């Protein structure tokens, strides 16, 4: 099964662009559903206002995922009146969408994970106090770690820990890849000058 990291960014755009990030995410989620592609949100950087995001990082699973989402890569133009600034003349807002192959960065291998167990604190009765059900997973090459105490089952916590650790690993890798390509779209003026791969219209509320 193929994997693909999808990042949506407002660059240095105003709050309207941060709102467009949320709207574009909705469109991409719908696109994934129609194509029967599994999609997880692995990181969201919230904006100053409710419902806005400076960036969103998604992880797609499925066969031929890059072909499915290739049409989204680049500058997205959204045409709408500002819901935040009344009488504002500008109606064109731009965000950037980048696609990253997780394999282009450090490779994820569950065999690189070392698990530690410990007693889980908090409520739950004698089982929680006496049995080491909490699980901490450490990805040795990167040093990334995750601790899970969700259930009383050490096995279930271990499975959850591995899943969350992989998601966190991919989020870190995506951030590093994004830094390498930052010059392509971080400056918002560059986003506006680029040819939009998609032009969308719709209320931003």
Foldseek 3Di string as FASTA:
>chain_A
DFKKKKKKAQQPDDQLSQLVQLVVVVVVVVLCVVVVKDKDWLDFAADPDPNGTRMTMMMIDDPPVCVSCVLQAAKEWEFADDPVDPPDPDGIGIMGMHMDGLVVFDDDDLVQKDKDWAQADDDDPDLSVPPGQKIKIARPVVRDIDIFDPDSHNVVNVVVRSVSSVSVVSVVRVVVVCVVCVVCPNPPVNSVPDDHSYYHYDYSD
